[in-house]
Amino acid sequence: MHRTQHAQEVADRFRELVENAGDTLPASHYDELSLLIEAAVDSALVDQLEGMATKLDGMAHGLRHDAEFFD
């Protein structure tokens, strides 16, 4: 599922909860909530990618080190 679509579905579900409780919010608030959710997902993804890049860098360093001593 795409991040934008997922964020919109989460915001829509929140809207349902709010409306079922008898409350209302302007549509612009739900649009902003969707953007905030998408930004949070993007941030989490970037954090994961940075962690993977760090691991790959360490593996590459280890391979270079091992190659230096390969007979």
C-alpha atoms as a PDB file:
ATOM      1  CA  MET A   1       0.000   0.000   0.000  1.00  0.00           C
ATOM      2  CA  HIS A   2       1.290   3.452  -0.832  1.00  0.00           C
ATOM      3  CA  ARG A   3       2.124   5.775   2.047  1.00  0.00           C
ATOM      4  CA  THR A   4      -0.278   8.489   0.888  1.00  0.00           C
ATOM      5  CA  GLN A   5      -3.167   6.065   0.568  1.00  0.00           C
ATOM      6  CA  HIS A   6      -2.387   4.505   3.942  1.00  0.00           C
ATOM      7  CA  ALA A   7      -2.196   7.918   5.620  1.00  0.00           C
ATOM      8  CA  GLN A   8      -5.554   8.863   4.097  1.00  0.00           C
ATOM      9  CA  GLU A   9      -7.146   5.631   5.316  1.00  0.00           C
ATOM     10  CA  VAL A  10      -5.869   6.242   8.856  1.00  0.00           C
ATOM     11  CA  ALA A  11      -7.227   9.814   8.788  1.00  0.00           C
ATOM     12  CA  ASP A  12     -10.563   8.544   7.437  1.00  0.00           C
ATOM     13  CA  ARG A  13     -10.770   5.991  10.233  1.00  0.00           C
ATOM     14  CA  PHE A  14     -10.057   8.730  12.761  1.00  0.00           C
ATOM     15  CA  ARG A  15     -12.839  10.814  11.182  1.00  0.00           C
ATOM     16  CA  GLU A  16     -15.222   7.879  11.674  1.00  0.00           C
ATOM     17  CA  LEU A  17     -14.262   7.624  15.336  1.00  0.00           C
ATOM     18  CA  VAL A  18     -14.748  11.354  15.868  1.00  0.00           C
ATOM     19  CA  GLU A  19     -18.102  11.389  14.085  1.00  0.00           C
ATOM     20  CA  ASN A  20     -19.295   8.251  15.912  1.00  0.00           C
ATOM     21  CA  ALA A  21     -18.544  10.088  19.151  1.00  0.00           C
ATOM     22  CA  GLY A  22     -20.859  12.871  17.963  1.00  0.00           C
ATOM     23  CA  ASP A  23     -18.122  15.393  17.266  1.00  0.00           C
ATOM     24  CA  THR A  24     -17.003  17.104  14.083  1.00  0.00           C
ATOM     25  CA  LEU A  25     -13.867  18.733  12.769  1.00  0.00           C
ATOM     26  CA  PRO A  26     -13.329  20.752   9.609  1.00  0.00           C
ATOM     27  CA  ALA A  27     -12.247  18.766   6.549  1.00  0.00           C
ATOM     28  CA  SER A  28      -9.011  20.755   6.461  1.00  0.00           C
ATOM     29  CA  HIS A  29      -8.047  19.246   9.828  1.00  0.00           C
ATOM     30  CA  TYR A  30      -8.377  15.741   8.419  1.00  0.00           C
ATOM     31  CA  ASP A  31      -6.300  16.746   5.393  1.00  0.00           C
ATOM     32  CA  GLU A  32      -3.613  18.047   7.732  1.00  0.00           C
ATOM     33  CA  LEU A  33      -3.811  14.874   9.822  1.00  0.00           C
ATOM     34  CA  SER A  34      -3.270  12.817   6.685  1.00  0.00           C
ATOM     35  CA  LEU A  35      -0.172  14.876   5.830  1.00  0.00           C
ATOM     36  CA  LEU A  36       1.170  14.496   9.364  1.00  0.00           C
ATOM     37  CA  ILE A  37       0.673  10.734   9.249  1.00  0.00           C
ATOM     38  CA  GLU A  38       2.409  10.518   5.878  1.00  0.00           C
ATOM     39  CA  ALA A  39       5.316  12.597   7.204  1.00  0.00           C
ATOM     40  CA  ALA A  40       5.635  10.304  10.215  1.00  0.00           C
ATOM     41  CA  VAL A  41       5.680   7.219   7.983  1.00  0.00           C
ATOM     42  CA  ASP A  42       8.303   8.859   5.757  1.00  0.00           C
ATOM     43  CA  SER A  43      10.429   9.727   8.789  1.00  0.00           C
ATOM     44  CA  ALA A  44      10.255   6.156  10.089  1.00  0.00           C
ATOM     45  CA  LEU A  45      11.207   4.866   6.642  1.00  0.00           C
ATOM     46  CA  VAL A  46      14.214   7.189   6.442  1.00  0.00           C
ATOM     47  CA  ASP A  47      15.339   6.041   9.894  1.00  0.00           C
ATOM     48  CA  GLN A  48      15.142   2.414   8.776  1.00  0.00           C
ATOM     49  CA  LEU A  49      17.033   3.131   5.562  1.00  0.00           C
ATOM     50  CA  GLU A  50      19.767   4.954   7.476  1.00  0.00           C
ATOM     51  CA  GLY A  51      20.148   1.972   9.786  1.00  0.00           C
ATOM     52  CA  MET A  52      20.390  -0.384   6.820  1.00  0.00           C
ATOM     53  CA  ALA A  53      22.950   1.888   5.154  1.00  0.00           C
ATOM     54  CA  THR A  54      25.057   1.882   8.322  1.00  0.00           C
ATOM     55  CA  LYS A  55      24.958  -1.914   8.444  1.00  0.00           C
ATOM     56  CA  LEU A  56      25.869  -2.179   4.754  1.00  0.00           C
ATOM     57  CA  ASP A  57      28.750   0.237   5.259  1.00  0.00           C
ATOM     58  CA  GLY A  58      30.056  -1.917   8.091  1.00  0.00           C
ATOM     59  CA  MET A  59      29.746  -5.039   5.960  1.00  0.00           C
ATOM     60  CA  ALA A  60      31.583  -3.367   3.072  1.00  0.00           C
ATOM     61  CA  HIS A  61      34.361  -2.288   5.433  1.00  0.00           C
ATOM     62  CA  GLY A  62      34.633  -5.852   6.731  1.00  0.00           C
ATOM     63  CA  LEU A  63      34.800  -7.246   3.197  1.00  0.00           C
ATOM     64  CA  ARG A  64      37.553  -4.794   2.255  1.00  0.00           C
ATOM     65  CA  HIS A  65      39.480  -5.747   5.384  1.00  0.00           C
ATOM     66  CA  ASP A  66      39.084  -9.462   4.679  1.00  0.00           C
ATOM     67  CA  ALA A  67      40.123  -8.972   1.036  1.00  0.00           C
ATOM     68  CA  GLU A  68      43.377  -7.383   2.152  1.00  0.00           C
ATOM     69  CA  PHE A  69      44.345 -10.552   3.976  1.00  0.00           C
ATOM     70  CA  PHE A  70      42.980 -13.048   1.460  1.00  0.00           C
ATOM     71  CA  ASP A  71      45.598 -15.509   0.196  1.00  0.00           C
END
